[in-house]
C-alpha atoms as a PDB file:
ATOM      1  CA  MET A   1     103.620 119.225  77.386  1.00  0.00           C
ATOM      2  CA  PRO A   2     102.318 116.973  80.175  1.00  0.00           C
ATOM      3  CA  SER A   3     104.692 114.447  81.645  1.00  0.00           C
ATOM      4  CA  ILE A   4     104.543 110.770  80.770  1.00  0.00           C
ATOM      5  CA  THR A   5     104.233 109.935  84.458  1.00  0.00           C
ATOM      6  CA  TYR A   6     101.234 112.219  84.886  1.00  0.00           C
ATOM      7  CA  CYS A   7      99.494 110.899  81.777  1.00  0.00           C
ATOM      8  CA  GLY A   8     100.056 107.292  82.836  1.00  0.00           C
ATOM      9  CA  ARG A   9      98.582 107.679  86.301  1.00  0.00           C
ATOM     10  CA  GLY A  10      95.281 106.012  85.328  1.00  0.00           C
ATOM     11  CA  THR A  11      96.825 102.617  84.762  1.00  0.00           C
ATOM     12  CA  LEU A  12      97.622  99.748  87.088  1.00  0.00           C
ATOM     13  CA  ARG A  13      98.057 101.924  90.170  1.00  0.00           C
ATOM     14  CA  THR A  14      94.608 103.475  89.913  1.00  0.00           C
ATOM     15  CA  ARG A  15      92.968 100.092  89.329  1.00  0.00           C
ATOM     16  CA  ALA A  16      94.690  98.560  92.369  1.00  0.00           C
ATOM     17  CA  LEU A  17      93.583 101.442  94.585  1.00  0.00           C
ATOM     18  CA  GLY A  18      90.037 101.161  93.226  1.00  0.00           C
ATOM     19  CA  GLU A  19      89.854  97.459  94.032  1.00  0.00           C
ATOM     20  CA  ILE A  20      90.871  97.911  97.630  1.00  0.00           C
ATOM     21  CA  ALA A  21      88.629 100.959  97.996  1.00  0.00           C
ATOM     22  CA  LYS A  22      85.655  98.726  97.135  1.00  0.00           C
ATOM     23  CA  ALA A  23      86.652  96.337  99.920  1.00  0.00           C
ATOM     24  CA  ARG A  24      86.723  99.152 102.487  1.00  0.00           C
ATOM     25  CA  GLY A  25      82.912  99.138 102.766  1.00  0.00           C
ATOM     26  CA  ARG A  26      82.819  95.673 104.321  1.00  0.00           C
ATOM     27  CA  ARG A  27      82.009  95.295 107.995  1.00  0.00           C
ATOM     28  CA  TYR A  28      84.597  92.661 108.870  1.00  0.00           C
ATOM     29  CA  ALA A  29      88.348  93.170 109.032  1.00  0.00           C
ATOM     30  CA  THR A  30      87.860  96.912 108.549  1.00  0.00           C
ATOM     31  CA  GLN A  31      90.990  97.878 110.475  1.00  0.00           C
ATOM     32  CA  GLN A  32      93.199  95.545 108.448  1.00  0.00           C
ATOM     33  CA  ILE A  33      91.699  96.716 105.150  1.00  0.00           C
ATOM     34  CA  ASN A  34      92.220 100.358 106.134  1.00  0.00           C
ATOM     35  CA  ARG A  35      95.852  99.659 106.997  1.00  0.00           C
ATOM     36  CA  ALA A  36      96.390  97.763 103.749  1.00  0.00           C
ATOM     37  CA  PHE A  37      94.827 100.654 101.818  1.00  0.00           C
ATOM     38  CA  THR A  38      97.120 103.143 103.550  1.00  0.00           C
ATOM     39  CA  VAL A  39     100.236 101.100 102.755  1.00  0.00           C
ATOM     40  CA  LEU A  40      99.127 100.582  99.148  1.00  0.00           C
ATOM     41  CA  LEU A  41      98.384 104.276  98.709  1.00  0.00           C
ATOM     42  CA  ALA A  42     101.770 105.224 100.163  1.00  0.00           C
ATOM     43  CA  SER A  43     103.614 102.778  97.914  1.00  0.00           C
ATOM     44  CA  HIS A  44     101.835 103.996  94.797  1.00  0.00           C
ATOM     45  CA  SER A  45     102.522 107.614  95.750  1.00  0.00           C
ATOM     46  CA  GLN A  46     106.190 106.784  96.226  1.00  0.00           C
ATOM     47  CA  GLY A  47     106.306 105.046  92.839  1.00  0.00           C
ATOM     48  CA  TYR A  48     104.638 108.023  91.161  1.00  0.00           C
ATOM     49  CA  CYS A  49     107.106 110.457  92.747  1.00  0.00           C
ATOM     50  CA  ARG A  50     110.055 108.258  91.783  1.00  0.00           C
ATOM     51  CA  ASN A  51     108.894 108.065  88.152  1.00  0.00           C
ATOM     52  CA  LEU A  52     108.284 111.813  88.036  1.00  0.00           C
ATOM     53  CA  TYR A  53     111.718 112.489  89.526  1.00  0.00           C
ATOM     54  CA  LEU A  54     113.433 110.208  86.987  1.00  0.00           C
ATOM     55  CA  GLU A  55     111.546 111.862  84.154  1.00  0.00           C
ATOM     56  CA  CYS A  56     112.677 115.312  85.346  1.00  0.00           C
ATOM     57  CA  VAL A  57     116.293 114.170  85.648  1.00  0.00           C
ATOM     58  CA  GLU A  58     116.237 112.749  82.121  1.00  0.00           C
ATOM     59  CA  HIS A  59     114.728 115.975  80.817  1.00  0.00           C
ATOM     60  CA  LEU A  60     117.425 118.092  82.492  1.00  0.00           C
ATOM     61  CA  ARG A  61     120.227 115.745  81.525  1.00  0.00           C
ATOM     62  CA  ALA A  62     119.224 115.941  77.874  1.00  0.00           C
ATOM     63  CA  ARG A  63     119.618 119.713  77.940  1.00  0.00           C
ATOM     64  CA  VAL A  64     122.967 119.987  79.703  1.00  0.00           C
ATOM     65  CA  PRO A  65     125.853 120.201  77.271  1.00  0.00           C
ATOM     66  CA  THR A  66     128.452 117.460  77.609  1.00  0.00           C
ATOM     67  CA  ALA A  67     132.096 118.283  78.264  1.00  0.00           C
ATOM     68  CA  GLU A  68     134.415 116.923  75.602  1.00  0.00           C
END
């Protein structure tokens, strides 16, 4: 079963990266756009990893028996 995080990767994050990728072809302010793209890509990667981590923790927590 694929993870919810993996299946949801084509949403807002992908659209935001696509918009800034279109702007990268411009001749002016190229350095600033490249830096903005790098920061945006890093933040979306961090968000993806965080969501995947939380999903894994919830999956494991659901399978560990509770002590009564």
